Amino acid sequence: MSNGANDLVSHAKALYAKEFTRDSTDEMRALLEQALGNARELAPEASAEAHALLAGVMICRYLNRWDEDGEAQLAAAEERIEEALRIAPGTALAHFAKGFLHRARGRHELALAAFRQTLEHNPHFTGAHAQAGAELMNLGRPQEALPHIERAIELDPNSSFRGMFYWNMGRILFLLAQYGDAIPWLEKSIAVQKDLWYTRLYLVSAHALIGQQHEAERALKEFNDLFPGYTAARAVETDEKVNPNHNLFVVIGRRNFHVGLRLAGMPEA
């Protein structure tokens, strides 16, 4: 029996462990779809992980606004998660992907439960530690969130997801209105992962909100060079809707974020 499909899954997992960018997720998706096209070659564990990892890639591309397929993409990802859990209910990657699926639908209590379940199956899954923290933040519990992010960084300071760990730390501090403290974490996140709109715009806003107008305008210019034609209306009315949240702590924090963007000079529409 050929091991080609299993090798494709191994290649995708190695890429996942190395980096997580627009280009790398596009490559992972192609590898996993090819592997699952020859599903009879796959060992059960590899098949479950392939479905789960593909679901995670699809949802994160949706959350990062790298794809525009909307609910159809989430529905397709949900089918992959269900198949992964049917094959192997203890697949940590499937529970991890389920957490992101719930987040994308604004079900933050369920998302937190899914990330905690991920950790039950794999206590050393650093991404799950960080995302559990992110969900506690989304639920208005920032002081509980911080230790989870710190734990993720401590467990794997060289993780391919460390840019997201730094982003989560910066965002928590931003929502706590500790803008000066948030800036170094946002800068560290951008240094690792340069292609995310939200890390850059939160940095712009943080500078503006503490009166660092020159730094805010410089950060906004760097953002515009990468994302031309972006407006405050897009950030507020379109991109934030992929992560719906009505918790007052987050709502107030996002309003302050919008104020900072306008102070920095971002056009309204």
Protein backbone atom coordinates (compact mmCIF):
# COMPACT_ATOMS: atom_id res chain seq x y z
CA MET A 1 0.00 0.00 0.00
CA SER A 2 1.32 3.45 -0.93
CA ASN A 3 2.22 5.79 1.90
CA GLY A 4 1.74 8.86 -0.30
CA ALA A 5 -1.36 10.16 1.46
CA ASN A 6 0.16 9.63 4.92
CA ASP A 7 3.28 11.45 3.77
CA LEU A 8 1.16 14.38 2.60
CA VAL A 9 -0.45 14.63 6.03
CA SER A 10 2.97 14.48 7.70
CA HIS A 11 4.18 17.25 5.39
CA ALA A 12 1.17 19.41 6.25
CA LYS A 13 1.69 18.85 9.98
CA ALA A 14 5.37 19.78 9.68
CA LEU A 15 4.41 22.97 7.87
CA TYR A 16 1.81 23.71 10.55
CA ALA A 17 4.51 23.38 13.22
CA LYS A 18 6.85 25.68 11.28
CA GLU A 19 4.67 28.67 10.35
CA PHE A 20 1.07 29.77 9.99
CA THR A 21 0.63 32.43 7.33
CA ARG A 22 -1.65 33.08 4.37
CA ASP A 23 0.75 31.27 2.04
CA SER A 24 1.52 28.36 4.36
CA THR A 25 -2.16 27.70 5.08
CA ASP A 26 -2.88 27.72 1.37
CA GLU A 27 -0.19 25.07 0.90
CA MET A 28 -1.47 23.06 3.88
CA ARG A 29 -4.97 23.09 2.50
CA ALA A 30 -3.77 21.77 -0.87
CA LEU A 31 -1.73 18.99 0.78
CA LEU A 32 -4.58 17.91 3.05
CA GLU A 33 -7.20 17.95 0.32
CA GLN A 34 -4.91 15.82 -1.83
CA ALA A 35 -4.34 13.39 1.04
CA LEU A 36 -8.04 13.11 1.84
CA GLY A 37 -8.73 12.52 -1.84
CA ASN A 38 -6.90 9.21 -1.26
CA ALA A 39 -8.45 8.59 2.15
CA ARG A 40 -8.30 4.80 1.84
CA GLU A 41 -4.52 5.04 2.03
CA LEU A 42 -4.62 6.87 5.34
CA ALA A 43 -4.21 5.31 8.74
CA PRO A 44 -7.23 6.20 10.96
CA GLU A 45 -5.24 8.57 13.18
CA ALA A 46 -3.77 10.34 10.15
CA SER A 47 -7.22 10.60 8.57
CA ALA A 48 -8.72 12.16 11.71
CA GLU A 49 -5.84 14.61 12.02
CA ALA A 50 -6.08 15.52 8.34
CA HIS A 51 -9.79 16.34 8.62
CA ALA A 52 -9.20 18.29 11.84
CA LEU A 53 -6.20 20.21 10.54
CA LEU A 54 -8.00 21.08 7.30
CA ALA A 55 -10.96 22.35 9.33
CA GLY A 56 -8.65 24.45 11.48
CA VAL A 57 -6.97 25.92 8.40
CA MET A 58 -10.33 26.81 6.84
CA ILE A 59 -11.65 28.48 9.98
CA CYS A 60 -8.48 30.43 10.69
CA ARG A 61 -8.37 31.67 7.11
CA TYR A 62 -11.94 32.86 7.64
CA LEU A 63 -11.11 34.55 10.97
CA ASN A 64 -8.03 36.23 9.52
CA ARG A 65 -10.06 37.47 6.52
CA TRP A 66 -7.81 35.60 4.10
CA ASP A 67 -10.90 34.01 2.50
CA GLU A 68 -14.31 35.47 1.74
CA ASP A 69 -16.50 32.33 1.68
CA GLY A 70 -18.33 33.17 4.91
CA GLU A 71 -20.74 30.73 6.53
CA ALA A 72 -20.28 28.19 3.73
CA GLN A 73 -16.64 27.86 4.72
CA LEU A 74 -17.58 27.40 8.39
CA ALA A 75 -20.18 24.76 7.49
CA ALA A 76 -17.63 22.83 5.43
CA ALA A 77 -15.15 23.02 8.29
CA GLU A 78 -17.77 21.77 10.74
CA GLU A 79 -18.28 18.67 8.59
CA ARG A 80 -14.53 18.01 8.72
CA ILE A 81 -14.52 18.35 12.52
CA GLU A 82 -17.44 15.94 12.88
CA GLU A 83 -15.70 13.41 10.64
CA ALA A 84 -12.45 13.69 12.59
CA LEU A 85 -14.27 13.08 15.88
CA ARG A 86 -16.21 10.18 14.39
CA ILE A 87 -12.95 8.50 13.39
CA ALA A 88 -11.04 9.32 16.57
CA PRO A 89 -12.95 11.18 19.34
CA GLY A 90 -9.75 12.03 21.21
CA THR A 91 -8.17 14.00 18.34
CA ALA A 92 -6.88 17.15 20.04
CA LEU A 93 -6.69 19.05 16.75
CA ALA A 94 -10.42 18.44 16.18
CA HIS A 95 -11.39 19.91 19.55
CA PHE A 96 -9.01 22.81 18.85
CA ALA A 97 -10.69 23.49 15.50
CA LYS A 98 -14.10 23.26 17.19
CA GLY A 99 -13.03 26.06 19.54
CA PHE A 100 -12.34 28.34 16.58
CA LEU A 101 -15.63 27.33 14.97
CA HIS A 102 -17.56 28.37 18.08
CA ARG A 103 -15.58 31.63 18.24
CA ALA A 104 -16.47 32.47 14.64
CA ARG A 105 -20.13 32.03 15.56
CA GLY A 106 -19.90 34.11 18.73
CA ARG A 107 -20.34 31.12 21.07
CA HIS A 108 -17.53 31.98 23.43
CA GLU A 109 -18.50 29.76 26.36
CA LEU A 110 -18.56 26.77 24.00
CA ALA A 111 -15.26 27.88 22.48
CA LEU A 112 -13.63 27.98 25.90
CA ALA A 113 -14.99 24.50 26.67
CA ALA A 114 -13.56 23.18 23.38
CA PHE A 115 -10.10 24.60 24.05
CA ARG A 116 -10.19 23.15 27.57
CA GLN A 117 -11.17 19.80 26.11
CA THR A 118 -8.22 20.07 23.74
CA LEU A 119 -5.97 20.39 26.78
CA GLU A 120 -7.56 17.33 28.37
CA HIS A 121 -6.39 15.32 25.37
CA ASN A 122 -3.03 17.10 25.07
CA PRO A 123 -1.95 19.16 28.12
CA HIS A 124 1.12 20.43 26.25
CA PHE A 125 -0.84 21.92 23.32
CA THR A 126 0.45 25.49 23.64
CA GLY A 127 -2.00 26.90 21.13
CA ALA A 128 -4.89 25.61 23.22
CA HIS A 129 -3.49 27.30 26.33
CA ALA A 130 -3.30 30.60 24.44
CA GLN A 131 -6.75 30.26 22.88
CA ALA A 132 -8.33 29.35 26.21
CA GLY A 133 -6.87 32.63 27.43
CA ALA A 134 -8.25 34.46 24.42
CA GLU A 135 -11.71 33.09 25.16
CA LEU A 136 -11.54 34.12 28.80
CA MET A 137 -10.73 37.60 27.48
CA ASN A 138 -13.68 37.38 25.07
CA LEU A 139 -15.86 36.52 28.06
CA GLY A 140 -14.72 39.62 29.95
CA ARG A 141 -12.34 37.79 32.31
CA PRO A 142 -8.94 39.28 31.39
CA GLN A 143 -7.20 38.60 34.71
CA GLU A 144 -7.95 34.90 34.29
CA ALA A 145 -6.81 35.06 30.68
CA LEU A 146 -3.29 36.40 31.24
CA PRO A 147 -1.85 33.28 32.97
CA HIS A 148 -2.94 31.11 30.04
CA ILE A 149 -1.05 33.28 27.55
CA GLU A 150 1.98 33.38 29.82
CA ARG A 151 1.82 29.57 30.11
CA ALA A 152 1.76 29.16 26.33
CA ILE A 153 4.85 31.38 25.93
CA GLU A 154 6.61 29.57 28.76
CA LEU A 155 5.89 26.10 27.34
CA ASP A 156 7.11 26.90 23.82
CA PRO A 157 8.80 30.29 23.36
CA ASN A 158 9.77 29.30 19.79
CA SER A 159 6.31 28.11 18.75
CA SER A 160 5.23 28.82 15.19
CA PHE A 161 2.20 30.42 16.87
CA ARG A 162 4.17 32.73 19.15
CA GLY A 163 3.06 35.70 17.06
CA MET A 164 -0.51 34.86 18.11
CA PHE A 165 0.55 34.43 21.73
CA TYR A 166 2.07 37.92 21.66
CA TRP A 167 -1.05 39.28 19.94
CA ASN A 168 -3.30 37.82 22.61
CA MET A 169 -1.15 39.37 25.33
CA GLY A 170 -1.19 42.73 23.58
CA ARG A 171 -4.92 42.63 22.99
CA ILE A 172 -5.71 41.78 26.61
CA LEU A 173 -3.60 44.73 27.78
CA PHE A 174 -5.22 46.97 25.15
CA LEU A 175 -8.73 46.02 26.28
CA LEU A 176 -7.64 46.75 29.84
CA ALA A 177 -6.74 50.26 28.55
CA GLN A 178 -3.05 49.61 29.33
CA TYR A 179 -2.06 50.90 25.91
CA GLY A 180 1.59 51.61 26.61
CA ASP A 181 2.04 48.09 27.99
CA ALA A 182 0.25 46.60 24.98
CA ILE A 183 2.56 48.22 22.42
CA PRO A 184 5.69 46.03 22.94
CA TRP A 185 3.62 42.86 22.68
CA LEU A 186 1.92 44.04 19.50
CA GLU A 187 5.30 44.98 18.02
CA LYS A 188 6.67 41.53 18.90
CA SER A 189 3.67 39.91 17.24
CA ILE A 190 4.13 41.92 14.05
CA ALA A 191 7.85 41.10 13.95
CA VAL A 192 6.96 37.39 13.84
CA GLN A 193 3.79 37.51 11.72
CA LYS A 194 3.55 40.46 9.39
CA ASP A 195 0.35 39.71 7.43
CA LEU A 196 -2.40 40.23 10.02
CA TRP A 197 -4.55 43.36 9.78
CA TYR A 198 -5.61 43.40 13.45
CA THR A 199 -2.16 43.33 15.09
CA ARG A 200 -1.08 46.32 13.02
CA LEU A 201 -4.26 48.32 13.56
CA TYR A 202 -4.29 47.72 17.31
CA LEU A 203 -0.70 49.03 17.35
CA VAL A 204 -1.80 52.12 15.40
CA SER A 205 -4.66 52.72 17.83
CA ALA A 206 -2.56 52.12 20.96
CA HIS A 207 -0.02 54.74 19.89
CA ALA A 208 -2.76 57.25 19.10
CA LEU A 209 -4.59 56.70 22.38
CA ILE A 210 -1.52 57.63 24.44
CA GLY A 211 -0.76 60.68 22.31
CA GLN A 212 2.11 59.21 20.28
CA GLN A 213 0.78 60.72 17.07
CA HIS A 214 3.99 60.42 15.06
CA GLU A 215 4.33 56.72 15.92
CA ALA A 216 0.63 56.15 15.17
CA GLU A 217 0.92 57.78 11.75
CA ARG A 218 4.07 55.84 10.95
CA ALA A 219 2.42 52.54 11.94
CA LEU A 220 -0.65 53.49 9.89
CA LYS A 221 1.53 54.18 6.83
CA GLU A 222 3.19 50.77 7.22
CA PHE A 223 -0.26 49.23 7.47
CA ASN A 224 -1.51 51.06 4.38
CA ASP A 225 1.51 49.90 2.39
CA LEU A 226 0.42 46.31 3.07
CA PHE A 227 -3.36 46.82 3.05
CA PRO A 228 -4.12 49.68 0.63
CA GLY A 229 -7.57 51.24 0.65
CA TYR A 230 -8.45 50.10 4.16
CA THR A 231 -10.94 52.22 6.12
CA ALA A 232 -12.20 52.46 9.69
CA ALA A 233 -15.63 51.35 8.46
CA ARG A 234 -14.14 48.12 7.12
CA ALA A 235 -12.46 47.34 10.43
CA VAL A 236 -15.59 48.15 12.44
CA GLU A 237 -18.40 46.92 10.20
CA THR A 238 -16.83 44.03 8.30
CA ASP A 239 -13.67 42.48 9.68
CA GLU A 240 -14.64 42.42 13.36
CA LYS A 241 -17.83 40.54 12.48
CA VAL A 242 -15.85 37.33 11.92
CA ASN A 243 -15.38 37.32 15.71
CA PRO A 244 -18.78 38.48 17.03
CA ASN A 245 -18.85 39.53 20.66
CA HIS A 246 -21.41 41.37 22.79
CA ASN A 247 -19.57 41.22 26.12
CA LEU A 248 -19.43 44.76 27.54
CA PHE A 249 -15.71 44.53 28.34
CA VAL A 250 -14.93 43.69 24.71
CA VAL A 251 -17.48 46.14 23.29
CA ILE A 252 -15.93 49.04 25.23
CA GLY A 253 -12.42 47.94 24.28
CA ARG A 254 -13.36 47.80 20.62
CA ARG A 255 -14.93 51.25 20.80
CA ASN A 256 -11.65 52.60 22.18
CA PHE A 257 -9.83 50.80 19.38
CA HIS A 258 -12.04 52.58 16.84
CA VAL A 259 -11.40 55.95 18.52
CA GLY A 260 -7.67 55.38 18.24
CA LEU A 261 -7.90 54.57 14.54
CA ARG A 262 -9.69 57.83 13.87
CA LEU A 263 -7.20 59.79 16.00
CA ALA A 264 -4.40 58.28 13.93
CA GLY A 265 -5.99 59.58 10.76
CA MET A 266 -7.51 56.45 9.24
CA PRO A 267 -10.25 57.49 6.78
CA GLU A 268 -13.78 56.69 7.88
CA ALA A 269 -14.94 55.22 4.59
